[in-house]
C-alpha cells in the first residue's frame, strides 16, 4: 500500500518535471494532456491516472521507476533535455510544413 509520504513524493517529482517548461500549458502540450491537469496536480485537487503517468514518461523520456517510486534514474531530466525535445518537435513540424509547401508548389502534393 502506498503511504501518504510516497504519494506526496510523486507529486513533487511531477512538479520537478513541470518546472522544466516555461509554463504548465507547455508541459501539457509536450505530454499530450489537457492543459488544466498540471494545475490540478499542483494543488492536489486530483491525481493523475496510470495512463497519464505513462504518457509523461514516454513524452519526456523519464524512467517510470523514478517518477512513481523515486528509484531508477538518479534524477529528473534537465532543462537542456526538454528544450532539445521541444526543439526536435518544432523542427519536425517545420519540415512537415516545408514538405507540404513544396508539394503544393510542384502541383502534385502527393509524396
Protein backbone atom coordinates (compact mmCIF):
# COMPACT_ATOMS: atom_id res chain seq x y z
CA UNK A 1 0.00 0.00 0.00
CA UNK A 2 1.28 3.43 -0.86
CA UNK A 3 1.59 5.79 2.06
CA UNK A 4 0.92 9.50 2.14
CA UNK A 5 4.64 10.24 2.08
CA UNK A 6 5.18 8.30 -1.17
CA UNK A 7 2.06 9.85 -2.68
CA UNK A 8 3.35 13.34 -1.89
CA UNK A 9 6.75 12.44 -3.35
CA UNK A 10 5.08 11.52 -6.67
CA UNK A 11 3.52 14.97 -6.82
CA UNK A 12 6.90 16.51 -6.00
CA UNK A 13 8.52 14.66 -8.91
CA UNK A 14 5.71 15.76 -11.24
CA UNK A 15 6.30 19.36 -10.14
CA UNK A 16 10.01 18.95 -10.95
CA UNK A 17 9.07 17.94 -14.47
CA UNK A 18 6.52 20.72 -14.90
CA UNK A 19 9.13 23.26 -13.74
CA UNK A 20 11.35 22.32 -16.69
CA UNK A 21 8.88 24.00 -19.03
CA UNK A 22 8.14 27.71 -19.48
CA UNK A 23 4.53 27.09 -18.39
CA UNK A 24 2.17 24.38 -17.23
CA UNK A 25 0.45 24.66 -20.61
CA UNK A 26 3.74 23.97 -22.41
CA UNK A 27 4.25 20.88 -20.23
CA UNK A 28 0.72 19.68 -21.00
CA UNK A 29 1.20 20.17 -24.75
CA UNK A 30 4.50 18.29 -24.67
CA UNK A 31 2.90 15.36 -22.87
CA UNK A 32 -0.37 15.45 -24.80
CA UNK A 33 -2.76 16.06 -21.92
CA UNK A 34 -5.36 18.69 -21.11
CA UNK A 35 -3.73 21.97 -20.11
CA UNK A 36 -5.67 22.10 -16.84
CA UNK A 37 -4.30 18.83 -15.46
CA UNK A 38 -0.92 20.10 -14.19
CA UNK A 39 -2.59 22.81 -12.11
CA UNK A 40 -4.89 20.21 -10.53
CA UNK A 41 -1.83 18.17 -9.61
CA UNK A 42 -0.01 21.16 -8.15
CA UNK A 43 -2.97 21.96 -5.90
CA UNK A 44 -3.55 18.24 -5.19
CA UNK A 45 -7.14 18.64 -6.45
CA UNK A 46 -6.74 15.43 -8.45
CA UNK A 47 -4.17 12.76 -9.08
CA UNK A 48 -3.00 11.56 -12.47
CA UNK A 49 -4.25 8.28 -13.86
CA UNK A 50 -1.84 5.50 -14.74
CA UNK A 51 -2.21 6.13 -18.48
CA UNK A 52 -1.39 9.81 -17.97
CA UNK A 53 1.72 8.90 -15.99
CA UNK A 54 2.76 6.58 -18.83
CA UNK A 55 2.31 9.48 -21.27
CA UNK A 56 4.52 11.68 -19.08
CA UNK A 57 7.25 9.03 -19.02
CA UNK A 58 7.08 8.41 -22.76
CA UNK A 59 6.91 12.05 -23.84
CA UNK A 60 9.71 13.21 -21.55
CA UNK A 61 11.82 10.05 -21.66
CA UNK A 62 11.50 9.66 -17.91
CA UNK A 63 12.12 6.38 -16.09
CA UNK A 64 8.77 5.20 -14.69
CA UNK A 65 10.52 3.81 -11.60
CA UNK A 66 11.89 7.28 -10.90
CA UNK A 67 8.55 9.01 -11.44
CA UNK A 68 6.47 6.57 -9.44
CA UNK A 69 8.90 5.41 -6.76
CA UNK A 70 11.87 7.75 -6.81
CA UNK A 71 14.10 4.83 -7.89
CA UNK A 72 15.97 4.07 -11.07
CA UNK A 73 17.36 7.09 -12.84
CA UNK A 74 19.21 9.26 -10.36
CA UNK A 75 17.47 12.48 -11.33
CA UNK A 76 14.78 14.08 -13.42
CA UNK A 77 15.60 15.17 -16.95
CA UNK A 78 17.16 18.60 -17.09
CA UNK A 79 16.00 21.69 -18.93
CA UNK A 80 18.50 21.07 -21.75
CA UNK A 81 16.97 17.67 -22.43
CA UNK A 82 13.47 19.13 -22.52
CA UNK A 83 14.49 22.06 -24.70
CA UNK A 84 16.15 19.55 -27.01
CA UNK A 85 12.96 17.50 -27.23
CA UNK A 86 10.88 20.61 -27.87
CA UNK A 87 13.38 21.76 -30.49
CA UNK A 88 13.19 18.42 -32.27
CA UNK A 89 9.40 18.55 -32.28
CA UNK A 90 9.46 22.10 -33.67
CA UNK A 91 11.91 21.03 -36.37
CA UNK A 92 9.69 18.10 -37.29
CA UNK A 93 6.68 20.44 -37.62
CA UNK A 94 8.71 22.86 -39.73
CA UNK A 95 9.87 20.07 -42.04
CA UNK A 96 6.32 18.81 -42.42
CA UNK A 97 5.16 22.31 -43.34
CA UNK A 98 8.01 22.71 -45.81
CA UNK A 99 7.15 19.38 -47.43
CA UNK A 100 3.53 20.48 -47.78
CA UNK A 101 4.57 23.83 -49.24
CA UNK A 102 6.95 22.23 -51.71
CA UNK A 103 4.39 19.60 -52.65
CA UNK A 104 1.81 22.31 -53.33
CA UNK A 105 4.31 24.39 -55.32
CA UNK A 106 5.06 21.45 -57.60
CA UNK A 107 1.39 20.97 -58.24
CA UNK A 108 1.19 17.35 -57.13
CA UNK A 109 1.50 17.33 -53.39
CA UNK A 110 1.41 13.52 -53.42
CA UNK A 111 4.50 12.05 -51.83
